[in-house]
PDB file of all heavy atoms in Angstrom:
ATOM      1  N   ALA A   1      93.379  98.848 110.930  1.00  0.00           N
ATOM      2  CA  ALA A   1      92.068  98.945 111.582  1.00  0.00           C
ATOM      3  C   ALA A   1      90.963  98.533 110.621  1.00  0.00           C
ATOM      4  O   ALA A   1      90.031  97.814 111.005  1.00  0.00           O
ATOM      5  CB  ALA A   1      91.833 100.363 112.085  1.00  0.00           C
ATOM      6  N   GLY A   2      91.073  98.968 109.378  1.00  0.00           N
ATOM      7  CA  GLY A   2      90.080  98.581 108.383  1.00  0.00           C
ATOM      8  C   GLY A   2      90.063  97.081 108.148  1.00  0.00           C
ATOM      9  O   GLY A   2      88.994  96.472 108.057  1.00  0.00           O
ATOM     10  N   CYS A   3      91.220  96.488 108.073  1.00  0.00           N
ATOM     11  CA  CYS A   3      91.310  95.038 107.865  1.00  0.00           C
ATOM     12  C   CYS A   3      90.775  94.264 109.071  1.00  0.00           C
ATOM     13  O   CYS A   3      90.153  93.217 108.918  1.00  0.00           O
ATOM     14  CB  CYS A   3      92.749  94.630 107.583  1.00  0.00           C
ATOM     15  SG  CYS A   3      93.353  95.171 105.974  1.00  0.00           S
ATOM     16  N   ALA A   4      91.040  94.790 110.265  1.00  0.00           N
ATOM     17  CA  ALA A   4      90.612  94.111 111.494  1.00  0.00           C
ATOM     18  C   ALA A   4      89.204  94.515 111.916  1.00  0.00           C
ATOM     19  O   ALA A   4      88.656  93.935 112.852  1.00  0.00           O
ATOM     20  CB  ALA A   4      91.591  94.427 112.621  1.00  0.00           C
ATOM     21  N   GLN A   5      88.649  95.508 111.239  1.00  0.00           N
ATOM     22  CA  GLN A   5      87.320  96.031 111.549  1.00  0.00           C
ATOM     23  C   GLN A   5      87.213  96.502 112.994  1.00  0.00           C
ATOM     24  O   GLN A   5      86.293  96.141 113.727  1.00  0.00           O
ATOM     25  CB  GLN A   5      86.244  95.000 111.212  1.00  0.00           C
ATOM     26  CG  GLN A   5      86.250  94.651 109.732  1.00  0.00           C
ATOM     27  CD  GLN A   5      85.193  93.645 109.352  1.00  0.00           C
ATOM     28  OE1 GLN A   5      84.700  92.882 110.169  1.00  0.00           O
ATOM     29  NE2 GLN A   5      84.831  93.640 108.086  1.00  0.00           N
ATOM     30  N   VAL A   6      88.206  97.306 113.389  1.00  0.00           N
ATOM     31  CA  VAL A   6      88.207  97.947 114.702  1.00  0.00           C
ATOM     32  C   VAL A   6      88.536  99.424 114.504  1.00  0.00           C
ATOM     33  O   VAL A   6      89.129  99.795 113.486  1.00  0.00           O
ATOM     34  CB  VAL A   6      89.234  97.309 115.675  1.00  0.00           C
ATOM     35  CG1 VAL A   6      88.939  95.841 115.899  1.00  0.00           C
ATOM     36  CG2 VAL A   6      90.653  97.489 115.176  1.00  0.00           C
ATOM     37  N   PRO A   7      88.182 100.277 115.455  1.00  0.00           N
ATOM     38  CA  PRO A   7      88.540 101.690 115.338  1.00  0.00           C
ATOM     39  C   PRO A   7      90.055 101.869 115.406  1.00  0.00           C
ATOM     40  O   PRO A   7      90.725 101.190 116.198  1.00  0.00           O
ATOM     41  CB  PRO A   7      87.870 102.349 116.547  1.00  0.00           C
ATOM     42  CG  PRO A   7      86.823 101.384 117.004  1.00  0.00           C
ATOM     43  CD  PRO A   7      87.332 100.019 116.622  1.00  0.00           C
ATOM     44  N   PRO A   8      90.610 102.773 114.595  1.00  0.00           N
ATOM     45  CA  PRO A   8      92.067 102.998 114.617  1.00  0.00           C
ATOM     46  C   PRO A   8      92.599 103.366 116.000  1.00  0.00           C
ATOM     47  O   PRO A   8      93.731 103.039 116.336  1.00  0.00           O
ATOM     48  CB  PRO A   8      92.274 104.155 113.631  1.00  0.00           C
ATOM     49  CG  PRO A   8      91.076 104.139 112.754  1.00  0.00           C
ATOM     50  CD  PRO A   8      89.956 103.593 113.587  1.00  0.00           C
ATOM     51  N   GLU A   9      91.766 104.013 116.815  1.00  0.00           N
ATOM     52  CA  GLU A   9      92.195 104.418 118.154  1.00  0.00           C
ATOM     53  C   GLU A   9      92.506 103.228 119.055  1.00  0.00           C
ATOM     54  O   GLU A   9      93.189 103.370 120.065  1.00  0.00           O
ATOM     55  CB  GLU A   9      91.108 105.278 118.827  1.00  0.00           C
ATOM     56  CG  GLU A   9      90.706 106.513 118.065  1.00  0.00           C
ATOM     57  CD  GLU A   9      89.733 106.233 116.916  1.00  0.00           C
ATOM     58  OE1 GLU A   9      88.840 105.378 117.045  1.00  0.00           O
ATOM     59  OE2 GLU A   9      89.896 106.881 115.866  1.00  0.00           O
ATOM     60  N   GLU A  10      91.995 102.067 118.706  1.00  0.00           N
ATOM     61  CA  GLU A  10      92.229 100.855 119.511  1.00  0.00           C
ATOM     62  C   GLU A  10      93.550 100.177 119.165  1.00  0.00           C
ATOM     63  O   GLU A  10      93.907  99.175 119.774  1.00  0.00           O
ATOM     64  CB  GLU A  10      91.077  99.872 119.333  1.00  0.00           C
ATOM     65  CG  GLU A  10      89.781 100.346 119.941  1.00  0.00           C
ATOM     66  CD  GLU A  10      88.677  99.310 119.845  1.00  0.00           C
ATOM     67  OE1 GLU A  10      88.961  98.128 119.548  1.00  0.00           O
ATOM     68  OE2 GLU A  10      87.519  99.698 120.062  1.00  0.00           O
ATOM     69  N   ILE A  11      94.248 100.711 118.182  1.00  0.00           N
ATOM     70  CA  ILE A  11      95.487 100.083 117.727  1.00  0.00           C
ATOM     71  C   ILE A  11      96.673 100.950 118.115  1.00  0.00           C
ATOM     72  O   ILE A  11      96.732 102.127 117.785  1.00  0.00           O
ATOM     73  CB  ILE A  11      95.468  99.876 116.201  1.00  0.00           C
ATOM     74  CG1 ILE A  11      94.321  98.926 115.834  1.00  0.00           C
ATOM     75  CG2 ILE A  11      96.807  99.345 115.709  1.00  0.00           C
ATOM     76  CD1 ILE A  11      94.146  98.719 114.362  1.00  0.00           C
ATOM     77  N   GLY A  12      97.612 100.343 118.827  1.00  0.00           N
ATOM     78  CA  GLY A  12      98.846 101.022 119.211  1.00  0.00           C
ATOM     79  C   GLY A  12     100.034 100.287 118.640  1.00  0.00           C
ATOM     80  O   GLY A  12      99.893  99.217 118.027  1.00  0.00           O
ATOM     81  N   PRO A  13     101.228 100.811 118.850  1.00  0.00           N
ATOM     82  CA  PRO A  13     102.417 100.167 118.290  1.00  0.00           C
ATOM     83  C   PRO A  13     102.677  98.767 118.836  1.00  0.00           C
ATOM     84  O   PRO A  13     103.255  97.932 118.147  1.00  0.00           O
ATOM     85  CB  PRO A  13     103.558 101.116 118.648  1.00  0.00           C
ATOM     86  CG  PRO A  13     103.011 102.080 119.631  1.00  0.00           C
ATOM     87  CD  PRO A  13     101.527 102.043 119.544  1.00  0.00           C
ATOM     88  N   ASP A  14     102.222  98.491 120.057  1.00  0.00           N
ATOM     89  CA  ASP A  14     102.447  97.173 120.647  1.00  0.00           C
ATOM     90  C   ASP A  14     101.313  96.192 120.376  1.00  0.00           C
ATOM     91  O   ASP A  14     101.362  95.050 120.835  1.00  0.00           O
ATOM     92  CB  ASP A  14     102.663  97.304 122.154  1.00  0.00           C
ATOM     93  CG  ASP A  14     103.930  98.079 122.483  1.00  0.00           C
ATOM     94  OD1 ASP A  14     104.904  97.991 121.704  1.00  0.00           O
ATOM     95  OD2 ASP A  14     103.952  98.777 123.513  1.00  0.00           O
ATOM     96  N   THR A  15     100.308  96.625 119.649  1.00  0.00           N
ATOM     97  CA  THR A  15      99.200  95.739 119.306  1.00  0.00           C
ATOM     98  C   THR A  15      99.701  94.678 118.343  1.00  0.00           C
ATOM     99  O   THR A  15     100.316  94.990 117.319  1.00  0.00           O
ATOM    100  CB  THR A  15      98.044  96.532 118.648  1.00  0.00           C
ATOM    101  OG1 THR A  15      97.641  97.584 119.520  1.00  0.00           O
ATOM    102  CG2 THR A  15      96.868  95.626 118.345  1.00  0.00           C
ATOM    103  N   THR A  16      99.448  93.427 118.681  1.00  0.00           N
ATOM    104  CA  THR A  16      99.891  92.346 117.798  1.00  0.00           C
ATOM    105  C   THR A  16      98.810  92.039 116.766  1.00  0.00           C
ATOM    106  O   THR A  16      97.619  92.314 116.976  1.00  0.00           O
ATOM    107  CB  THR A  16     100.196  91.055 118.587  1.00  0.00           C
ATOM    108  OG1 THR A  16      98.974  90.542 119.139  1.00  0.00           O
ATOM    109  CG2 THR A  16     101.217  91.296 119.687  1.00  0.00           C
ATOM    110  N   PHE A  17      99.254  91.465 115.665  1.00  0.00           N
ATOM    111  CA  PHE A  17      98.304  91.054 114.642  1.00  0.00           C
ATOM    112  C   PHE A  17      97.415  89.937 115.182  1.00  0.00           C
ATOM    113  O   PHE A  17      96.243  89.852 114.842  1.00  0.00           O
ATOM    114  CB  PHE A  17      99.031  90.644 113.365  1.00  0.00           C
ATOM    115  CG  PHE A  17      99.715  91.806 112.705  1.00  0.00           C
ATOM    116  CD1 PHE A  17     101.084  91.984 112.813  1.00  0.00           C
ATOM    117  CD2 PHE A  17      98.993  92.752 111.996  1.00  0.00           C
ATOM    118  CE1 PHE A  17     101.719  93.066 112.236  1.00  0.00           C
ATOM    119  CE2 PHE A  17      99.609  93.844 111.411  1.00  0.00           C
ATOM    120  CZ  PHE A  17     100.977  94.001 111.527  1.00  0.00           C
ATOM    121  N   ALA A  18      97.959  89.114 116.071  1.00  0.00           N
ATOM    122  CA  ALA A  18      97.172  88.046 116.692  1.00  0.00           C
ATOM    123  C   ALA A  18      96.059  88.633 117.560  1.00  0.00           C
ATOM    124  O   ALA A  18      94.929  88.124 117.548  1.00  0.00           O
ATOM    125  CB  ALA A  18      98.067  87.137 117.521  1.00  0.00           C
ATOM    126  N   GLN A  19      96.355  89.703 118.300  1.00  0.00           N
ATOM    127  CA  GLN A  19      95.321  90.350 119.123  1.00  0.00           C
ATOM    128  C   GLN A  19      94.183  90.873 118.253  1.00  0.00           C
ATOM    129  O   GLN A  19      93.044  90.961 118.713  1.00  0.00           O
ATOM    130  CB  GLN A  19      95.907  91.516 119.916  1.00  0.00           C
ATOM    131  CG  GLN A  19      96.790  91.104 121.069  1.00  0.00           C
ATOM    132  CD  GLN A  19      97.495  92.292 121.697  1.00  0.00           C
ATOM    133  OE1 GLN A  19      98.016  93.161 120.997  1.00  0.00           O
ATOM    134  NE2 GLN A  19      97.522  92.316 123.012  1.00  0.00           N
ATOM    135  N   LEU A  20      94.500  91.247 117.033  1.00  0.00           N
ATOM    136  CA  LEU A  20      93.495  91.765 116.104  1.00  0.00           C
ATOM    137  C   LEU A  20      92.843  90.644 115.292  1.00  0.00           C
ATOM    138  O   LEU A  20      92.025  90.906 114.418  1.00  0.00           O
ATOM    139  CB  LEU A  20      94.143  92.777 115.150  1.00  0.00           C
ATOM    140  CG  LEU A  20      94.694  94.036 115.818  1.00  0.00           C
ATOM    141  CD1 LEU A  20      95.521  94.834 114.824  1.00  0.00           C
ATOM    142  CD2 LEU A  20      93.561  94.874 116.402  1.00  0.00           C
ATOM    143  N   SER A  21      93.220  89.404 115.607  1.00  0.00           N
ATOM    144  CA  SER A  21      92.719  88.226 114.890  1.00  0.00           C
ATOM    145  C   SER A  21      93.031  88.287 113.402  1.00  0.00           C
ATOM    146  O   SER A  21      92.236  87.854 112.565  1.00  0.00           O
ATOM    147  CB  SER A  21      91.213  88.049 115.114  1.00  0.00           C
ATOM    148  OG  SER A  21      90.944  87.855 116.483  1.00  0.00           O
ATOM    149  N   LEU A  22      94.200  88.843 113.072  1.00  0.00           N
ATOM    150  CA  LEU A  22      94.635  88.888 111.676  1.00  0.00           C
ATOM    151  C   LEU A  22      95.657  87.780 111.461  1.00  0.00           C
ATOM    152  O   LEU A  22      96.756  87.818 112.015  1.00  0.00           O
ATOM    153  CB  LEU A  22      95.251  90.249 111.338  1.00  0.00           C
ATOM    154  CG  LEU A  22      94.311  91.442 111.342  1.00  0.00           C
ATOM    155  CD1 LEU A  22      95.074  92.717 110.983  1.00  0.00           C
ATOM    156  CD2 LEU A  22      93.160  91.243 110.382  1.00  0.00           C
ATOM    157  N   GLY A  23      95.289  86.798 110.677  1.00  0.00           N
ATOM    158  CA  GLY A  23      96.209  85.729 110.329  1.00  0.00           C
ATOM    159  C   GLY A  23      97.193  86.194 109.268  1.00  0.00           C
ATOM    160  O   GLY A  23      97.210  87.376 108.881  1.00  0.00           O
ATOM    161  N   ASP A  24      97.992  85.283 108.778  1.00  0.00           N
ATOM    162  CA  ASP A  24      99.027  85.636 107.808  1.00  0.00           C
ATOM    163  C   ASP A  24      98.466  86.269 106.531  1.00  0.00           C
ATOM    164  O   ASP A  24      99.018  87.242 106.028  1.00  0.00           O
ATOM    165  CB  ASP A  24      99.869  84.406 107.445  1.00  0.00           C
ATOM    166  CG  ASP A  24     100.765  83.963 108.587  1.00  0.00           C
ATOM    167  OD1 ASP A  24     101.060  84.795 109.476  1.00  0.00           O
ATOM    168  OD2 ASP A  24     101.173  82.783 108.591  1.00  0.00           O
ATOM    169  N   ARG A  25      97.385  85.732 106.016  1.00  0.00           N
ATOM    170  CA  ARG A  25      96.812  86.287 104.779  1.00  0.00           C
ATOM    171  C   ARG A  25      96.266  87.696 104.997  1.00  0.00           C
ATOM    172  O   ARG A  25      96.473  88.582 104.179  1.00  0.00           O
ATOM    173  CB  ARG A  25      95.717  85.388 104.235  1.00  0.00           C
ATOM    174  CG  ARG A  25      96.256  84.146 103.596  1.00  0.00           C
ATOM    175  CD  ARG A  25      95.158  83.376 102.940  1.00  0.00           C
ATOM    176  NE  ARG A  25      95.701  82.122 102.428  1.00  0.00           N
ATOM    177  CZ  ARG A  25      94.999  81.276 101.725  1.00  0.00           C
ATOM    178  NH1 ARG A  25      93.732  81.528 101.451  1.00  0.00           N
ATOM    179  NH2 ARG A  25      95.546  80.170 101.288  1.00  0.00           N
ATOM    180  N   ALA A  26      95.558  87.884 106.097  1.00  0.00           N
ATOM    181  CA  ALA A  26      94.993  89.206 106.385  1.00  0.00           C
ATOM    182  C   ALA A  26      96.111  90.210 106.664  1.00  0.00           C
ATOM    183  O   ALA A  26      96.028  91.369 106.239  1.00  0.00           O
ATOM    184  CB  ALA A  26      94.043  89.124 107.573  1.00  0.00           C
ATOM    185  N   LYS A  27      97.147  89.763 107.344  1.00  0.00           N
ATOM    186  CA  LYS A  27      98.293  90.643 107.604  1.00  0.00           C
ATOM    187  C   LYS A  27      98.954  91.040 106.287  1.00  0.00           C
ATOM    188  O   LYS A  27      99.316  92.202 106.088  1.00  0.00           O
ATOM    189  CB  LYS A  27      99.295  89.935 108.529  1.00  0.00           C
ATOM    190  CG  LYS A  27     100.479  90.783 108.895  1.00  0.00           C
ATOM    191  CD  LYS A  27     101.325  90.190 110.025  1.00  0.00           C
ATOM    192  CE  LYS A  27     101.939  88.880 109.714  1.00  0.00           C
ATOM    193  NZ  LYS A  27     102.956  88.467 110.715  1.00  0.00           N
ATOM    194  N   GLN A  28      99.074  90.108 105.366  1.00  0.00           N
ATOM    195  CA  GLN A  28      99.670  90.414 104.065  1.00  0.00           C
ATOM    196  C   GLN A  28      98.782  91.362 103.272  1.00  0.00           C
ATOM    197  O   GLN A  28      99.273  92.274 102.611  1.00  0.00           O
ATOM    198  CB  GLN A  28      99.934  89.135 103.271  1.00  0.00           C
ATOM    199  CG  GLN A  28     100.684  89.378 101.981  1.00  0.00           C
ATOM    200  CD  GLN A  28     102.065  89.975 102.193  1.00  0.00           C
ATOM    201  OE1 GLN A  28     102.872  89.443 102.935  1.00  0.00           O
ATOM    202  NE2 GLN A  28     102.350  91.108 101.562  1.00  0.00           N
ATOM    203  N   ARG A  29      97.466  91.175 103.337  1.00  0.00           N
ATOM    204  CA  ARG A  29      96.549  92.101 102.653  1.00  0.00           C
ATOM    205  C   ARG A  29      96.694  93.515 103.212  1.00  0.00           C
ATOM    206  O   ARG A  29      96.704  94.491 102.460  1.00  0.00           O
ATOM    207  CB  ARG A  29      95.102  91.624 102.777  1.00  0.00           C
ATOM    208  CG  ARG A  29      94.736  90.533 101.795  1.00  0.00           C
ATOM    209  CD  ARG A  29      93.235  90.318 101.706  1.00  0.00           C
ATOM    210  NE  ARG A  29      92.623  89.966 102.984  1.00  0.00           N
ATOM    211  CZ  ARG A  29      92.535  88.721 103.452  1.00  0.00           C
ATOM    212  NH1 ARG A  29      93.011  87.710 102.753  1.00  0.00           N
ATOM    213  NH2 ARG A  29      91.960  88.488 104.604  1.00  0.00           N
ATOM    214  N   ALA A  30      96.815  93.626 104.535  1.00  0.00           N
ATOM    215  CA  ALA A  30      97.007  94.938 105.152  1.00  0.00           C
ATOM    216  C   ALA A  30      98.329  95.544 104.686  1.00  0.00           C
ATOM    217  O   ALA A  30      98.392  96.728 104.328  1.00  0.00           O
ATOM    218  CB  ALA A  30      96.982  94.822 106.677  1.00  0.00           C
ATOM    219  N   ALA A  31      99.377  94.745 104.664  1.00  0.00           N
ATOM    220  CA  ALA A  31     100.687  95.227 104.213  1.00  0.00           C
ATOM    221  C   ALA A  31     100.634  95.656 102.746  1.00  0.00           C
ATOM    222  O   ALA A  31     101.228  96.673 102.373  1.00  0.00           O
ATOM    223  CB  ALA A  31     101.752  94.153 104.418  1.00  0.00           C
ATOM    224  N   ASP A  32      99.915  94.909 101.928  1.00  0.00           N
ATOM    225  CA  ASP A  32      99.771  95.272 100.512  1.00  0.00           C
ATOM    226  C   ASP A  32      99.071  96.620 100.364  1.00  0.00           C
ATOM    227  O   ASP A  32      99.458  97.444  99.531  1.00  0.00           O
ATOM    228  CB  ASP A  32      98.992  94.197  99.750  1.00  0.00           C
ATOM    229  CG  ASP A  32      99.766  92.897  99.584  1.00  0.00           C
ATOM    230  OD1 ASP A  32     100.999  92.890  99.811  1.00  0.00           O
ATOM    231  OD2 ASP A  32      99.122  91.883  99.248  1.00  0.00           O
ATOM    232  N   ALA A  33      98.045  96.852 101.174  1.00  0.00           N
ATOM    233  CA  ALA A  33      97.326  98.130 101.123  1.00  0.00           C
ATOM    234  C   ALA A  33      98.224  99.270 101.580  1.00  0.00           C
ATOM    235  O   ALA A  33      98.232 100.352 100.982  1.00  0.00           O
ATOM    236  CB  ALA A  33      96.062  98.054 101.978  1.00  0.00           C
ATOM    237  N   VAL A  34      99.009  99.038 102.626  1.00  0.00           N
ATOM    238  CA  VAL A  34      99.962 100.047 103.101  1.00  0.00           C
ATOM    239  C   VAL A  34     100.991 100.324 102.005  1.00  0.00           C
ATOM    240  O   VAL A  34     101.322 101.475 101.721  1.00  0.00           O
ATOM    241  CB  VAL A  34     100.655  99.606 104.408  1.00  0.00           C
ATOM    242  CG1 VAL A  34     101.830 100.510 104.757  1.00  0.00           C
ATOM    243  CG2 VAL A  34      99.651  99.565 105.559  1.00  0.00           C
ATOM    244  N   GLU A  35     101.468  99.278 101.387  1.00  0.00           N
ATOM    245  CA  GLU A  35     102.447  99.383 100.309  1.00  0.00           C
ATOM    246  C   GLU A  35     101.925 100.299  99.196  1.00  0.00           C
ATOM    247  O   GLU A  35     102.640 101.189  98.728  1.00  0.00           O
ATOM    248  CB  GLU A  35     102.731  97.979  99.777  1.00  0.00           C
ATOM    249  CG  GLU A  35     103.747  97.894  98.677  1.00  0.00           C
ATOM    250  CD  GLU A  35     103.968  96.455  98.244  1.00  0.00           C
ATOM    251  OE1 GLU A  35     103.042  95.856  97.656  1.00  0.00           O
ATOM    252  OE2 GLU A  35     105.061  95.941  98.497  1.00  0.00           O
ATOM    253  N   ARG A  36     100.677 100.109  98.807  1.00  0.00           N
ATOM    254  CA  ARG A  36     100.076 100.935  97.746  1.00  0.00           C
ATOM    255  C   ARG A  36      99.949 102.395  98.185  1.00  0.00           C
ATOM    256  O   ARG A  36     100.218 103.303  97.405  1.00  0.00           O
ATOM    257  CB  ARG A  36      98.706 100.390  97.349  1.00  0.00           C
ATOM    258  CG  ARG A  36      98.773  99.143  96.497  1.00  0.00           C
ATOM    259  CD  ARG A  36      97.412  98.757  95.947  1.00  0.00           C
ATOM    260  NE  ARG A  36      96.432  98.455  96.977  1.00  0.00           N
ATOM    261  CZ  ARG A  36      96.304  97.281  97.578  1.00  0.00           C
ATOM    262  NH1 ARG A  36      97.124  96.281  97.258  1.00  0.00           N
ATOM    263  NH2 ARG A  36      95.370  97.085  98.478  1.00  0.00           N
ATOM    264  N   GLU A  37      99.549 102.615  99.415  1.00  0.00           N
ATOM    265  CA  GLU A  37      99.352 103.991  99.885  1.00  0.00           C
ATOM    266  C   GLU A  37     100.657 104.749 100.087  1.00  0.00           C
ATOM    267  O   GLU A  37     100.747 105.932  99.783  1.00  0.00           O
ATOM    268  CB  GLU A  37      98.559 104.005 101.193  1.00  0.00           C
ATOM    269  CG  GLU A  37      97.093 103.814 100.959  1.00  0.00           C
ATOM    270  CD  GLU A  37      96.250 104.435 102.043  1.00  0.00           C
ATOM    271  OE1 GLU A  37      96.557 105.549 102.500  1.00  0.00           O
ATOM    272  OE2 GLU A  37      95.270 103.787 102.425  1.00  0.00           O
ATOM    273  N   VAL A  38     101.662 104.059 100.612  1.00  0.00           N
ATOM    274  CA  VAL A  38     102.922 104.727 100.930  1.00  0.00           C
ATOM    275  C   VAL A  38     103.876 104.705  99.741  1.00  0.00           C
ATOM    276  O   VAL A  38     104.725 105.581  99.599  1.00  0.00           O
ATOM    277  CB  VAL A  38     103.579 104.089 102.180  1.00  0.00           C
ATOM    278  CG1 VAL A  38     104.910 104.732 102.505  1.00  0.00           C
ATOM    279  CG2 VAL A  38     102.642 104.197 103.380  1.00  0.00           C
ATOM    280  N   GLY A  39     103.723 103.701  98.880  1.00  0.00           N
ATOM    281  CA  GLY A  39     104.570 103.627  97.698  1.00  0.00           C
ATOM    282  C   GLY A  39     105.903 102.956  97.934  1.00  0.00           C
ATOM    283  O   GLY A  39     106.895 103.290  97.293  1.00  0.00           O
ATOM    284  N   VAL A  40     105.934 102.012  98.870  1.00  0.00           N
ATOM    285  CA  VAL A  40     107.154 101.244  99.108  1.00  0.00           C
ATOM    286  C   VAL A  40     106.854  99.764  98.897  1.00  0.00           C
ATOM    287  O   VAL A  40     105.708  99.344  99.003  1.00  0.00           O
ATOM    288  CB  VAL A  40     107.717 101.452 100.538  1.00  0.00           C
ATOM    289  CG1 VAL A  40     108.118 102.887 100.764  1.00  0.00           C
ATOM    290  CG2 VAL A  40     106.747 100.990 101.593  1.00  0.00           C
ATOM    291  N   MET A  41     107.894  99.004  98.589  1.00  0.00           N
ATOM    292  CA  MET A  41     107.725  97.572  98.369  1.00  0.00           C
ATOM    293  C   MET A  41     107.999  96.815  99.664  1.00  0.00           C
ATOM    294  O   MET A  41     109.029  97.022 100.308  1.00  0.00           O
ATOM    295  CB  MET A  41     108.668  97.080  97.281  1.00  0.00           C
ATOM    296  CG  MET A  41     108.547  95.605  97.009  1.00  0.00           C
ATOM    297  SD  MET A  41     109.786  95.052  95.815  1.00  0.00           S
ATOM    298  CE  MET A  41     108.774  94.994  94.371  1.00  0.00           C
ATOM    299  N   LEU A  42     107.062  95.947 100.037  1.00  0.00           N
ATOM    300  CA  LEU A  42     107.215  95.103 101.218  1.00  0.00           C
ATOM    301  C   LEU A  42     107.212  93.650 100.769  1.00  0.00           C
ATOM    302  O   LEU A  42     106.251  93.202 100.146  1.00  0.00           O
ATOM    303  CB  LEU A  42     106.067  95.347 102.197  1.00  0.00           C
ATOM    304  CG  LEU A  42     105.905  96.776 102.705  1.00  0.00           C
ATOM    305  CD1 LEU A  42     104.626  96.906 103.505  1.00  0.00           C
ATOM    306  CD2 LEU A  42     107.102  97.186 103.527  1.00  0.00           C
ATOM    307  N   LEU A  43     108.265  92.942 101.074  1.00  0.00           N
ATOM    308  CA  LEU A  43     108.363  91.537 100.689  1.00  0.00           C
ATOM    309  C   LEU A  43     107.566  90.665 101.653  1.00  0.00           C
ATOM    310  O   LEU A  43     107.500  90.944 102.857  1.00  0.00           O
ATOM    311  CB  LEU A  43     109.815  91.097 100.662  1.00  0.00           C
ATOM    312  CG  LEU A  43     110.727  91.887  99.716  1.00  0.00           C
ATOM    313  CD1 LEU A  43     112.166  91.413  99.852  1.00  0.00           C
ATOM    314  CD2 LEU A  43     110.249  91.764  98.278  1.00  0.00           C
TER     315      LEU A  43
END
């Protein structure tokens, strides 16, 4: 939600990254942030 600049309530499990206008780079940035917070490695 932070990366897409939308409220978290607007995001569900079936929400696509395309619907959020997140391209590959933005999707990777979001994954990197999740990786840091959760402490797992995402390739």
